[in-house]
Amino acid sequence: MLFSYRLMWMLVMFDLPVIEKADRKAATDFRNHLLNLGFEMAQFSVYMRFCSSTAQVDTLAKKIEHYLPIGGKISILQFTDKQYEKIISFQDSSGLSKKKSPCQYELF
C-alpha cells in the first residue's frame, strides 16, 4: 500500500526571459519539456506533478535543470501527498476548493 506521507508532489515555479523572439521560443520549449515530463499547468509559470518517491523527484529535478533556458530562474518545491490535500485555492471569488489526491487507480 502506498503511504500518503511518502508520496510526493513537485511544484515547479519559474521566471524566464521573454523579451526577444528566441527567448519566447526557449520559454515555450521549456514549458513543452515540462508537459512531456508529465507536469500539468497549475498557473502560468507554475507546473506540478505527482511523484511516487523522492528518488523520482530528484531525477525530474535534474532533467528540469538540464532544460533551463539561459537567464531563467526555477524554484522547485516538494511536499507530501498529505500536505497537497491541505492546499486551499480560490478561483473567481466563487469560494474555495480543496485539492484532492488522485485515486490510486488513476496513477497506474
Foldseek 3Di string as FASTA:
>chain_A
DQDQQFKKKKKKAKDFDDPDPVRVVLVVVLVVVCVVVPWDDPDVRITMDIGRHVVVVVVVVVVSVVSADPPMDMDMDMGTNVVQQADWDDDPNPHIDGDDDDDPVVVD
